[in-house]
Amino acid sequence: MHGFHHGRSVVDDLAKHSKLDLFLLHEHWLTPANLYLFDNYFDKYFSVGSSAMSKCVGQGMLRGRLFGGTIILIKKIAESNADIVTSDMLL
């Protein structure tokens, strides 16, 4: 995505003009507190993902460039066919 705000319009366009039920996205650059933005902007999808900056945020004020993060957007109509398995393990 090269950042959520930079890539949001491309994902929005694909979501509106394609028949995709699933998006696998990376490099959204959001902190854990801002992951809700996916649910706000893509209301026909539910999101499952993580921020790569969890550890940095936990250590205090952010410094430097934003980085990382992955998220999966799944169309809400397909939600009943999805089994979400998560892990709290940090690499």
PDB file of N, CA and C in Angstrom:
ATOM      1  N   MET A   1       0.819  -1.198   0.000  1.00  0.00           N
ATOM      2  CA  MET A   1       0.000   0.000   0.000  1.00  0.00           C
ATOM      3  C   MET A   1       0.859   1.257   0.000  1.00  0.00           C
ATOM      4  N   HIS A   2       2.067   1.161   0.476  1.00  0.00           N
ATOM      5  CA  HIS A   2       2.931   2.330   0.624  1.00  0.00           C
ATOM      6  C   HIS A   2       2.265   3.377   1.519  1.00  0.00           C
ATOM      7  N   GLY A   3       1.660   2.895   2.600  1.00  0.00           N
ATOM      8  CA  GLY A   3       0.945   3.754   3.545  1.00  0.00           C
ATOM      9  C   GLY A   3      -0.557   3.680   3.317  1.00  0.00           C
ATOM     10  N   PHE A   4      -1.328   3.666   4.395  1.00  0.00           N
ATOM     11  CA  PHE A   4      -2.785   3.547   4.301  1.00  0.00           C
ATOM     12  C   PHE A   4      -3.387   4.662   3.466  1.00  0.00           C
ATOM     13  N   HIS A   5      -3.043   5.900   3.763  1.00  0.00           N
ATOM     14  CA  HIS A   5      -3.673   7.030   3.087  1.00  0.00           C
ATOM     15  C   HIS A   5      -3.252   7.120   1.627  1.00  0.00           C
ATOM     16  N   HIS A   6      -2.072   6.670   1.315  1.00  0.00           N
ATOM     17  CA  HIS A   6      -1.605   6.682  -0.068  1.00  0.00           C
ATOM     18  C   HIS A   6      -2.274   5.577  -0.890  1.00  0.00           C
ATOM     19  N   GLY A   7      -2.429   4.384  -0.315  1.00  0.00           N
ATOM     20  CA  GLY A   7      -2.963   3.244  -1.043  1.00  0.00           C
ATOM     21  C   GLY A   7      -4.459   3.048  -0.944  1.00  0.00           C
ATOM     22  N   ARG A   8      -5.092   3.786  -0.044  1.00  0.00           N
ATOM     23  CA  ARG A   8      -6.528   3.613   0.191  1.00  0.00           C
ATOM     24  C   ARG A   8      -7.365   3.794  -1.072  1.00  0.00           C
ATOM     25  N   SER A   9      -7.063   4.775  -1.886  1.00  0.00           N
ATOM     26  CA  SER A   9      -7.872   5.037  -3.080  1.00  0.00           C
ATOM     27  C   SER A   9      -7.784   3.895  -4.093  1.00  0.00           C
ATOM     28  N   VAL A  10      -6.629   3.266  -4.203  1.00  0.00           N
ATOM     29  CA  VAL A  10      -6.470   2.132  -5.123  1.00  0.00           C
ATOM     30  C   VAL A  10      -7.298   0.947  -4.640  1.00  0.00           C
ATOM     31  N   VAL A  11      -7.210   0.649  -3.355  1.00  0.00           N
ATOM     32  CA  VAL A  11      -7.982  -0.463  -2.783  1.00  0.00           C
ATOM     33  C   VAL A  11      -9.476  -0.164  -2.893  1.00  0.00           C
ATOM     34  N   ASP A  12      -9.865   1.060  -2.633  1.00  0.00           N
ATOM     35  CA  ASP A  12     -11.270   1.455  -2.743  1.00  0.00           C
ATOM     36  C   ASP A  12     -11.775   1.269  -4.172  1.00  0.00           C
ATOM     37  N   ASP A  13     -10.984   1.669  -5.151  1.00  0.00           N
ATOM     38  CA  ASP A  13     -11.361   1.514  -6.555  1.00  0.00           C
ATOM     39  C   ASP A  13     -11.492   0.035  -6.923  1.00  0.00           C
ATOM     40  N   LEU A  14     -10.544  -0.786  -6.476  1.00  0.00           N
ATOM     41  CA  LEU A  14     -10.621  -2.223  -6.741  1.00  0.00           C
ATOM     42  C   LEU A  14     -11.844  -2.845  -6.074  1.00  0.00           C
ATOM     43  N   ALA A  15     -12.138  -2.422  -4.860  1.00  0.00           N
ATOM     44  CA  ALA A  15     -13.285  -2.969  -4.132  1.00  0.00           C
ATOM     45  C   ALA A  15     -14.603  -2.618  -4.822  1.00  0.00           C
ATOM     46  N   LYS A  16     -14.684  -1.438  -5.400  1.00  0.00           N
ATOM     47  CA  LYS A  16     -15.917  -1.000  -6.046  1.00  0.00           C
ATOM     48  C   LYS A  16     -16.105  -1.601  -7.436  1.00  0.00           C
ATOM     49  N   HIS A  17     -15.018  -1.841  -8.161  1.00  0.00           N
ATOM     50  CA  HIS A  17     -15.120  -2.235  -9.565  1.00  0.00           C
ATOM     51  C   HIS A  17     -14.677  -3.663  -9.858  1.00  0.00           C
ATOM     52  N   SER A  18     -14.472  -4.450  -8.850  1.00  0.00           N
ATOM     53  CA  SER A  18     -14.094  -5.845  -9.079  1.00  0.00           C
ATOM     54  C   SER A  18     -15.016  -6.743  -8.279  1.00  0.00           C
ATOM     55  N   LYS A  19     -14.903  -8.014  -8.509  1.00  0.00           N
ATOM     56  CA  LYS A  19     -15.725  -8.969  -7.761  1.00  0.00           C
ATOM     57  C   LYS A  19     -14.885  -9.716  -6.731  1.00  0.00           C
ATOM     58  N   LEU A  20     -13.826  -9.074  -6.260  1.00  0.00           N
ATOM     59  CA  LEU A  20     -12.937  -9.714  -5.295  1.00  0.00           C
ATOM     60  C   LEU A  20     -13.581  -9.773  -3.914  1.00  0.00           C
ATOM     61  N   ASP A  21     -13.479 -10.926  -3.281  1.00  0.00           N
ATOM     62  CA  ASP A  21     -13.997 -11.104  -1.930  1.00  0.00           C
ATOM     63  C   ASP A  21     -12.922 -10.920  -0.879  1.00  0.00           C
ATOM     64  N   LEU A  22     -11.674 -10.856  -1.312  1.00  0.00           N
ATOM     65  CA  LEU A  22     -10.549 -10.886  -0.378  1.00  0.00           C
ATOM     66  C   LEU A  22      -9.407 -10.016  -0.893  1.00  0.00           C
ATOM     67  N   PHE A  23      -8.840  -9.231   0.000  1.00  0.00           N
ATOM     68  CA  PHE A  23      -7.645  -8.445  -0.307  1.00  0.00           C
ATOM     69  C   PHE A  23      -6.571  -8.775   0.715  1.00  0.00           C
ATOM     70  N   LEU A  24      -5.376  -9.058   0.263  1.00  0.00           N
ATOM     71  CA  LEU A  24      -4.222  -9.254   1.131  1.00  0.00           C
ATOM     72  C   LEU A  24      -3.333  -8.034   0.935  1.00  0.00           C
ATOM     73  N   LEU A  25      -3.185  -7.239   1.972  1.00  0.00           N
ATOM     74  CA  LEU A  25      -2.465  -5.961   1.855  1.00  0.00           C
ATOM     75  C   LEU A  25      -1.292  -5.920   2.825  1.00  0.00           C
ATOM     76  N   HIS A  26      -0.243  -5.238   2.416  1.00  0.00           N
ATOM     77  CA  HIS A  26       0.884  -5.045   3.335  1.00  0.00           C
ATOM     78  C   HIS A  26       1.435  -3.636   3.178  1.00  0.00           C
ATOM     79  N   GLU A  27       2.259  -3.264   4.137  1.00  0.00           N
ATOM     80  CA  GLU A  27       2.843  -1.914   4.207  1.00  0.00           C
ATOM     81  C   GLU A  27       1.774  -0.832   4.342  1.00  0.00           C
ATOM     82  N   HIS A  28       0.840  -1.032   5.287  1.00  0.00           N
ATOM     83  CA  HIS A  28      -0.172   0.005   5.525  1.00  0.00           C
ATOM     84  C   HIS A  28       0.330   1.090   6.473  1.00  0.00           C
ATOM     85  N   TRP A  29       1.374   0.821   7.215  1.00  0.00           N
ATOM     86  CA  TRP A  29       2.057   1.788   8.075  1.00  0.00           C
ATOM     87  C   TRP A  29       1.194   2.350   9.205  1.00  0.00           C
ATOM     88  N   LEU A  30       0.187   1.645   9.639  1.00  0.00           N
ATOM     89  CA  LEU A  30      -0.666   2.131  10.720  1.00  0.00           C
ATOM     90  C   LEU A  30      -0.203   1.587  12.065  1.00  0.00           C
ATOM     91  N   THR A  31      -0.394   2.381  13.104  1.00  0.00           N
ATOM     92  CA  THR A  31      -0.135   1.911  14.469  1.00  0.00           C
ATOM     93  C   THR A  31      -1.311   1.023  14.887  1.00  0.00           C
ATOM     94  N   PRO A  32      -1.152   0.224  15.932  1.00  0.00           N
ATOM     95  CA  PRO A  32      -2.275  -0.625  16.382  1.00  0.00           C
ATOM     96  C   PRO A  32      -3.544   0.174  16.675  1.00  0.00           C
ATOM     97  N   ALA A  33      -3.406   1.363  17.203  1.00  0.00           N
ATOM     98  CA  ALA A  33      -4.566   2.194  17.549  1.00  0.00           C
ATOM     99  C   ALA A  33      -5.322   2.700  16.316  1.00  0.00           C
ATOM    100  N   ASN A  34      -4.699   2.648  15.148  1.00  0.00           N
ATOM    101  CA  ASN A  34      -5.331   3.173  13.933  1.00  0.00           C
ATOM    102  C   ASN A  34      -5.805   2.101  12.966  1.00  0.00           C
ATOM    103  N   LEU A  35      -5.718   0.842  13.334  1.00  0.00           N
ATOM    104  CA  LEU A  35      -6.174  -0.226  12.447  1.00  0.00           C
ATOM    105  C   LEU A  35      -7.680  -0.154  12.177  1.00  0.00           C
ATOM    106  N   TYR A  36      -8.414   0.522  13.035  1.00  0.00           N
ATOM    107  CA  TYR A  36      -9.850   0.692  12.844  1.00  0.00           C
ATOM    108  C   TYR A  36     -10.173   1.413  11.531  1.00  0.00           C
ATOM    109  N   LEU A  37      -9.213   2.136  10.973  1.00  0.00           N
ATOM    110  CA  LEU A  37      -9.448   2.883   9.737  1.00  0.00           C
ATOM    111  C   LEU A  37      -9.892   1.973   8.597  1.00  0.00           C
ATOM    112  N   PHE A  38      -9.391   0.733   8.574  1.00  0.00           N
ATOM    113  CA  PHE A  38      -9.830  -0.197   7.536  1.00  0.00           C
ATOM    114  C   PHE A  38     -11.330  -0.467   7.642  1.00  0.00           C
ATOM    115  N   ASP A  39     -11.831  -0.660   8.848  1.00  0.00           N
ATOM    116  CA  ASP A  39     -13.266  -0.907   9.030  1.00  0.00           C
ATOM    117  C   ASP A  39     -14.091   0.333   8.706  1.00  0.00           C
ATOM    118  N   ASN A  40     -13.560   1.497   8.984  1.00  0.00           N
ATOM    119  CA  ASN A  40     -14.280   2.741   8.691  1.00  0.00           C
ATOM    120  C   ASN A  40     -14.365   3.017   7.193  1.00  0.00           C
ATOM    121  N   TYR A  41     -13.274   2.827   6.462  1.00  0.00           N
ATOM    122  CA  TYR A  41     -13.246   3.174   5.044  1.00  0.00           C
ATOM    123  C   TYR A  41     -13.781   2.073   4.138  1.00  0.00           C
ATOM    124  N   PHE A  42     -13.656   0.838   4.553  1.00  0.00           N
ATOM    125  CA  PHE A  42     -14.107  -0.283   3.725  1.00  0.00           C
ATOM    126  C   PHE A  42     -15.238  -1.004   4.453  1.00  0.00           C
ATOM    127  N   ASP A  43     -16.403  -0.382   4.477  1.00  0.00           N
ATOM    128  CA  ASP A  43     -17.502  -0.874   5.302  1.00  0.00           C
ATOM    129  C   ASP A  43     -18.137  -2.164   4.787  1.00  0.00           C
ATOM    130  N   LYS A  44     -17.864  -2.561   3.554  1.00  0.00           N
ATOM    131  CA  LYS A  44     -18.397  -3.826   3.033  1.00  0.00           C
ATOM    132  C   LYS A  44     -17.443  -4.992   3.316  1.00  0.00           C
ATOM    133  N   TYR A  45     -16.341  -4.704   3.982  1.00  0.00           N
ATOM    134  CA  TYR A  45     -15.339  -5.705   4.315  1.00  0.00           C
ATOM    135  C   TYR A  45     -15.082  -5.679   5.819  1.00  0.00           C
ATOM    136  N   PHE A  46     -14.666  -6.816   6.355  1.00  0.00           N
ATOM    137  CA  PHE A  46     -14.152  -6.809   7.715  1.00  0.00           C
ATOM    138  C   PHE A  46     -12.666  -7.094   7.630  1.00  0.00           C
ATOM    139  N   SER A  47     -11.931  -6.612   8.602  1.00  0.00           N
ATOM    140  CA  SER A  47     -10.475  -6.674   8.520  1.00  0.00           C
ATOM    141  C   SER A  47      -9.881  -7.521   9.635  1.00  0.00           C
ATOM    142  N   VAL A  48      -8.791  -8.181   9.288  1.00  0.00           N
ATOM    143  CA  VAL A  48      -7.996  -8.949  10.235  1.00  0.00           C
ATOM    144  C   VAL A  48      -6.555  -8.637   9.899  1.00  0.00           C
ATOM    145  N   GLY A  49      -5.793  -8.158  10.861  1.00  0.00           N
ATOM    146  CA  GLY A  49      -4.414  -7.828  10.562  1.00  0.00           C
ATOM    147  C   GLY A  49      -3.655  -7.339  11.764  1.00  0.00           C
ATOM    148  N   SER A  50      -2.475  -6.831  11.483  1.00  0.00           N
ATOM    149  CA  SER A  50      -1.633  -6.354  12.570  1.00  0.00           C
ATOM    150  C   SER A  50      -0.758  -5.198  12.102  1.00  0.00           C
ATOM    151  N   SER A  51      -0.234  -4.516  13.087  1.00  0.00           N
ATOM    152  CA  SER A  51       0.698  -3.421  12.848  1.00  0.00           C
ATOM    153  C   SER A  51       2.113  -3.915  13.138  1.00  0.00           C
ATOM    154  N   ALA A  52       3.044  -3.511  12.324  1.00  0.00           N
ATOM    155  CA  ALA A  52       4.442  -3.862  12.571  1.00  0.00           C
ATOM    156  C   ALA A  52       5.058  -2.942  13.613  1.00  0.00           C
ATOM    157  N   MET A  53       4.313  -1.941  14.051  1.00  0.00           N
ATOM    158  CA  MET A  53       4.855  -0.948  14.976  1.00  0.00           C
ATOM    159  C   MET A  53       4.405  -1.149  16.421  1.00  0.00           C
ATOM    160  N   SER A  54       3.826  -2.299  16.731  1.00  0.00           N
ATOM    161  CA  SER A  54       3.346  -2.555  18.092  1.00  0.00           C
ATOM    162  C   SER A  54       4.461  -2.408  19.123  1.00  0.00           C
ATOM    163  N   LYS A  55       5.601  -2.984  18.832  1.00  0.00           N
ATOM    164  CA  LYS A  55       6.721  -2.926  19.774  1.00  0.00           C
ATOM    165  C   LYS A  55       7.239  -1.490  19.930  1.00  0.00           C
ATOM    166  N   CYS A  56       7.351  -0.761  18.833  1.00  0.00           N
ATOM    167  CA  CYS A  56       7.839   0.627  18.888  1.00  0.00           C
ATOM    168  C   CYS A  56       6.900   1.519  19.682  1.00  0.00           C
ATOM    169  N   VAL A  57       5.603   1.357  19.484  1.00  0.00           N
ATOM    170  CA  VAL A  57       4.609   2.169  20.193  1.00  0.00           C
ATOM    171  C   VAL A  57       4.682   1.876  21.686  1.00  0.00           C
ATOM    172  N   GLY A  58       4.919   0.614  22.036  1.00  0.00           N
ATOM    173  CA  GLY A  58       5.013   0.223  23.435  1.00  0.00           C
ATOM    174  C   GLY A  58       6.236   0.775  24.140  1.00  0.00           C
ATOM    175  N   GLN A  59       7.230   1.215  23.375  1.00  0.00           N
ATOM    176  CA  GLN A  59       8.458   1.748  23.957  1.00  0.00           C
ATOM    177  C   GLN A  59       8.429   3.261  24.128  1.00  0.00           C
ATOM    178  N   GLY A  60       7.352   3.896  23.723  1.00  0.00           N
ATOM    179  CA  GLY A  60       7.263   5.342  23.890  1.00  0.00           C
ATOM    180  C   GLY A  60       6.898   6.041  22.592  1.00  0.00           C
ATOM    181  N   MET A  61       7.271   7.315  22.486  1.00  0.00           N
ATOM    182  CA  MET A  61       6.936   8.133  21.337  1.00  0.00           C
ATOM    183  C   MET A  61       7.581   7.585  20.064  1.00  0.00           C
ATOM    184  N   LEU A  62       6.810   7.595  18.980  1.00  0.00           N
ATOM    185  CA  LEU A  62       7.343   7.124  17.698  1.00  0.00           C
ATOM    186  C   LEU A  62       8.366   8.110  17.165  1.00  0.00           C
ATOM    187  N   ARG A  63       9.440   7.554  16.643  1.00  0.00           N
ATOM    188  CA  ARG A  63      10.481   8.375  16.015  1.00  0.00           C
ATOM    189  C   ARG A  63      10.824   7.741  14.682  1.00  0.00           C
ATOM    190  N   GLY A  64      11.143   8.567  13.715  1.00  0.00           N
ATOM    191  CA  GLY A  64      11.533   8.049  12.406  1.00  0.00           C
ATOM    192  C   GLY A  64      10.339   7.772  11.517  1.00  0.00           C
ATOM    193  N   ARG A  65      10.595   6.959  10.529  1.00  0.00           N
ATOM    194  CA  ARG A  65       9.595   6.635   9.515  1.00  0.00           C
ATOM    195  C   ARG A  65       8.630   5.560   9.971  1.00  0.00           C
ATOM    196  N   LEU A  66       7.396   5.642   9.501  1.00  0.00           N
ATOM    197  CA  LEU A  66       6.419   4.585   9.723  1.00  0.00           C
ATOM    198  C   LEU A  66       6.811   3.389   8.868  1.00  0.00           C
ATOM    199  N   PHE A  67       6.376   2.182   9.267  1.00  0.00           N
ATOM    200  CA  PHE A  67       6.779   1.004   8.502  1.00  0.00           C
ATOM    201  C   PHE A  67       5.821  -0.152   8.725  1.00  0.00           C
ATOM    202  N   GLY A  68       5.822  -1.075   7.781  1.00  0.00           N
ATOM    203  CA  GLY A  68       5.203  -2.383   7.895  1.00  0.00           C
ATOM    204  C   GLY A  68       3.707  -2.451   8.070  1.00  0.00           C
ATOM    205  N   GLY A  69       3.280  -3.645   8.470  1.00  0.00           N
ATOM    206  CA  GLY A  69       1.882  -3.932   8.731  1.00  0.00           C
ATOM    207  C   GLY A  69       1.236  -4.741   7.621  1.00  0.00           C
ATOM    208  N   THR A  70       0.432  -5.721   8.022  1.00  0.00           N
ATOM    209  CA  THR A  70      -0.328  -6.521   7.064  1.00  0.00           C
ATOM    210  C   THR A  70      -1.787  -6.565   7.496  1.00  0.00           C
ATOM    211  N   ILE A  71      -2.655  -6.717   6.523  1.00  0.00           N
ATOM    212  CA  ILE A  71      -4.082  -6.799   6.827  1.00  0.00           C
ATOM    213  C   ILE A  71      -4.782  -7.606   5.737  1.00  0.00           C
ATOM    214  N   ILE A  72      -5.832  -8.290   6.125  1.00  0.00           N
ATOM    215  CA  ILE A  72      -6.673  -9.018   5.177  1.00  0.00           C
ATOM    216  C   ILE A  72      -8.052  -8.393   5.247  1.00  0.00           C
ATOM    217  N   LEU A  73      -8.588  -8.027   4.097  1.00  0.00           N
ATOM    218  CA  LEU A  73      -9.961  -7.532   4.009  1.00  0.00           C
ATOM    219  C   LEU A  73     -10.809  -8.637   3.394  1.00  0.00           C
ATOM    220  N   ILE A  74     -11.876  -9.026   4.078  1.00  0.00           N
ATOM    221  CA  ILE A  74     -12.763 -10.085   3.612  1.00  0.00           C
ATOM    222  C   ILE A  74     -14.167  -9.497   3.484  1.00  0.00           C
ATOM    223  N   LYS A  75     -14.757  -9.688   2.316  1.00  0.00           N
ATOM    224  CA  LYS A  75     -16.098  -9.147   2.086  1.00  0.00           C
ATOM    225  C   LYS A  75     -17.059  -9.717   3.129  1.00  0.00           C
ATOM    226  N   LYS A  76     -17.856  -8.850   3.734  1.00  0.00           N
ATOM    227  CA  LYS A  76     -18.756  -9.263   4.812  1.00  0.00           C
ATOM    228  C   LYS A  76     -19.745 -10.332   4.369  1.00  0.00           C
ATOM    229  N   ILE A  77     -20.120 -10.327   3.113  1.00  0.00           N
ATOM    230  CA  ILE A  77     -21.051 -11.329   2.622  1.00  0.00           C
ATOM    231  C   ILE A  77     -20.429 -12.729   2.635  1.00  0.00           C
ATOM    232  N   ALA A  78     -19.099 -12.808   2.606  1.00  0.00           N
ATOM    233  CA  ALA A  78     -18.378 -14.095   2.643  1.00  0.00           C
ATOM    234  C   ALA A  78     -17.925 -14.452   4.060  1.00  0.00           C
ATOM    235  N   GLU A  79     -18.281 -13.629   5.026  1.00  0.00           N
ATOM    236  CA  GLU A  79     -17.812 -13.818   6.399  1.00  0.00           C
ATOM    237  C   GLU A  79     -18.205 -15.180   6.973  1.00  0.00           C
ATOM    238  N   SER A  80     -19.362 -15.668   6.609  1.00  0.00           N
ATOM    239  CA  SER A  80     -19.805 -16.950   7.155  1.00  0.00           C
ATOM    240  C   SER A  80     -18.945 -18.117   6.662  1.00  0.00           C
ATOM    241  N   ASN A  81     -18.226 -17.920   5.565  1.00  0.00           N
ATOM    242  CA  ASN A  81     -17.351 -18.961   5.024  1.00  0.00           C
ATOM    243  C   ASN A  81     -15.917 -18.833   5.521  1.00  0.00           C
ATOM    244  N   ALA A  82     -15.641 -17.854   6.364  1.00  0.00           N
ATOM    245  CA  ALA A  82     -14.270 -17.600   6.822  1.00  0.00           C
ATOM    246  C   ALA A  82     -14.086 -18.070   8.256  1.00  0.00           C
ATOM    247  N   ASP A  83     -13.009 -18.781   8.491  1.00  0.00           N
ATOM    248  CA  ASP A  83     -12.600 -19.155   9.847  1.00  0.00           C
ATOM    249  C   ASP A  83     -11.336 -18.367  10.164  1.00  0.00           C
ATOM    250  N   ILE A  84     -11.411 -17.485  11.139  1.00  0.00           N
ATOM    251  CA  ILE A  84     -10.285 -16.632  11.495  1.00  0.00           C
ATOM    252  C   ILE A  84      -9.497 -17.295  12.623  1.00  0.00           C
ATOM    253  N   VAL A  85      -8.230 -17.521  12.371  1.00  0.00           N
ATOM    254  CA  VAL A  85      -7.325 -18.075  13.371  1.00  0.00           C
ATOM    255  C   VAL A  85      -6.223 -17.055  13.577  1.00  0.00           C
ATOM    256  N   THR A  86      -6.033 -16.612  14.818  1.00  0.00           N
ATOM    257  CA  THR A  86      -5.017 -15.609  15.083  1.00  0.00           C
ATOM    258  C   THR A  86      -3.998 -16.142  16.078  1.00  0.00           C
ATOM    259  N   SER A  87      -2.866 -15.455  16.109  1.00  0.00           N
ATOM    260  CA  SER A  87      -1.815 -15.798  17.044  1.00  0.00           C
ATOM    261  C   SER A  87      -1.242 -14.519  17.613  1.00  0.00           C
ATOM    262  N   ASP A  88      -0.930 -14.537  18.890  1.00  0.00           N
ATOM    263  CA  ASP A  88      -0.333 -13.367  19.537  1.00  0.00           C
ATOM    264  C   ASP A  88       1.188 -13.449  19.547  1.00  0.00           C
ATOM    265  N   MET A  89       1.730 -14.430  18.860  1.00  0.00           N
ATOM    266  CA  MET A  89       3.189 -14.589  18.846  1.00  0.00           C
ATOM    267  C   MET A  89       3.838 -13.453  18.056  1.00  0.00           C
ATOM    268  N   LEU A  90       4.897 -12.891  18.595  1.00  0.00           N
ATOM    269  CA  LEU A  90       5.677 -11.879  17.901  1.00  0.00           C
ATOM    270  C   LEU A  90       6.955 -12.515  17.413  1.00  0.00           C
ATOM    271  N   LEU A  91       7.315 -12.232  16.176  1.00  0.00           N
ATOM    272  CA  LEU A  91       8.539 -12.790  15.621  1.00  0.00           C
ATOM    273  C   LEU A  91       9.742 -12.007  16.072  1.00  0.00           C
TER     274      LEU A  91
END
